Amino acid sequence: MFSIMKVKSYFSYLGMSKFNWHSEPLSDETVITLNFKNTSNVRRYFQSHFGECWKNNRIFMAWFKENIGKTLKDALEEFRKNHL
């Protein structure tokens, strides 16, 4: 397993820690970065897949923090599998 410092360094090197979760366009290929935030932009993205009644939860938010480097498509699959 990677230490948080190695992950932080790796994503900083790639410039991925500067991703703006508030305003950047989101797609299935968007990579979950170290600075992931549950913004209204992120909520709109998930609502577009699961409907207006979609609600986030702490367990799903923890999944994001544990899966830096995966994509939003991976997050969609995780939500379908474990949270519906």
Protein backbone atom coordinates (compact mmCIF):
# COMPACT_ATOMS: atom_id res chain seq x y z
CA MET A 1 0.00 0.00 0.00
CA PHE A 2 1.20 3.51 -0.76
CA SER A 3 1.81 6.01 1.97
CA ILE A 4 -0.25 9.19 1.77
CA MET A 5 2.94 11.21 1.19
CA LYS A 6 3.90 9.09 -1.83
CA VAL A 7 0.42 9.42 -3.27
CA LYS A 8 0.40 13.15 -2.58
CA SER A 9 3.79 13.57 -4.26
CA TYR A 10 2.74 11.47 -7.25
CA PHE A 11 -0.44 13.41 -7.89
CA SER A 12 1.22 16.75 -7.26
CA TYR A 13 3.83 15.75 -9.83
CA LEU A 14 1.08 15.03 -12.33
CA GLY A 15 -0.65 18.30 -11.50
CA MET A 16 -3.76 16.36 -10.50
CA SER A 17 -4.06 17.79 -7.00
CA LYS A 18 -5.10 21.12 -8.55
CA PHE A 19 -8.31 19.77 -10.12
CA ASN A 20 -11.22 22.13 -9.45
CA TRP A 21 -14.15 19.97 -8.37
CA HIS A 22 -16.38 23.06 -8.28
CA SER A 23 -16.14 24.00 -11.94
CA GLU A 24 -14.33 21.42 -14.07
CA PRO A 25 -16.47 19.33 -16.42
CA LEU A 26 -16.91 15.82 -15.02
CA SER A 27 -17.05 12.60 -17.02
CA ASP A 28 -16.70 8.88 -16.44
CA GLU A 29 -12.97 9.28 -17.15
CA THR A 30 -12.41 12.00 -14.51
CA VAL A 31 -9.73 10.79 -12.10
CA ILE A 32 -10.40 11.06 -8.36
CA THR A 33 -7.70 13.33 -7.01
CA LEU A 34 -6.19 13.94 -3.61
CA ASN A 35 -8.16 17.18 -3.29
CA PHE A 36 -11.55 15.55 -4.05
CA LYS A 37 -14.48 17.56 -2.72
CA ASN A 38 -18.15 16.65 -2.65
CA THR A 39 -19.30 19.77 -4.47
CA SER A 40 -22.60 20.62 -6.13
CA ASN A 41 -20.84 19.80 -9.43
CA VAL A 42 -20.10 16.27 -8.17
CA ARG A 43 -23.64 15.86 -6.84
CA ARG A 44 -25.07 16.92 -10.24
CA TYR A 45 -22.85 14.34 -11.94
CA PHE A 46 -24.18 11.51 -9.73
CA GLN A 47 -27.76 12.76 -9.99
CA SER A 48 -27.43 12.62 -13.77
CA HIS A 49 -26.77 8.87 -13.41
CA PHE A 50 -29.04 7.95 -10.48
CA GLY A 51 -31.76 10.59 -10.58
CA GLU A 52 -32.70 13.57 -8.47
CA CYS A 53 -33.26 11.45 -5.38
CA TRP A 54 -29.55 10.45 -5.23
CA LYS A 55 -28.02 11.19 -1.84
CA ASN A 56 -24.42 10.84 -0.73
CA ASN A 57 -23.40 9.11 2.48
CA ARG A 58 -20.33 8.90 4.72
CA ILE A 59 -19.39 5.39 3.65
CA PHE A 60 -19.38 6.40 -0.01
CA MET A 61 -17.39 9.56 0.76
CA ALA A 62 -14.79 7.44 2.57
CA TRP A 63 -14.55 5.29 -0.57
CA PHE A 64 -13.35 8.37 -2.50
CA LYS A 65 -10.58 9.07 0.02
CA GLU A 66 -9.43 5.45 -0.17
CA ASN A 67 -9.51 5.25 -3.98
CA ILE A 68 -7.46 8.19 -5.22
CA GLY A 69 -6.45 7.52 -8.81
CA LYS A 70 -9.62 5.65 -9.76
CA THR A 71 -12.21 7.25 -12.02
CA LEU A 72 -15.74 8.50 -11.53
CA LYS A 73 -16.84 5.47 -13.58
CA ASP A 74 -15.32 3.30 -10.83
CA ALA A 75 -17.26 5.37 -8.28
CA LEU A 76 -20.51 4.84 -10.21
CA GLU A 77 -19.90 1.09 -10.19
CA GLU A 78 -19.11 1.15 -6.46
CA PHE A 79 -22.32 3.04 -5.70
CA ARG A 80 -24.42 0.67 -7.83
CA LYS A 81 -22.83 -2.37 -6.21
CA ASN A 82 -22.88 -1.35 -2.55
CA HIS A 83 -25.21 1.58 -2.01
CA LEU A 84 -28.39 0.96 -4.00
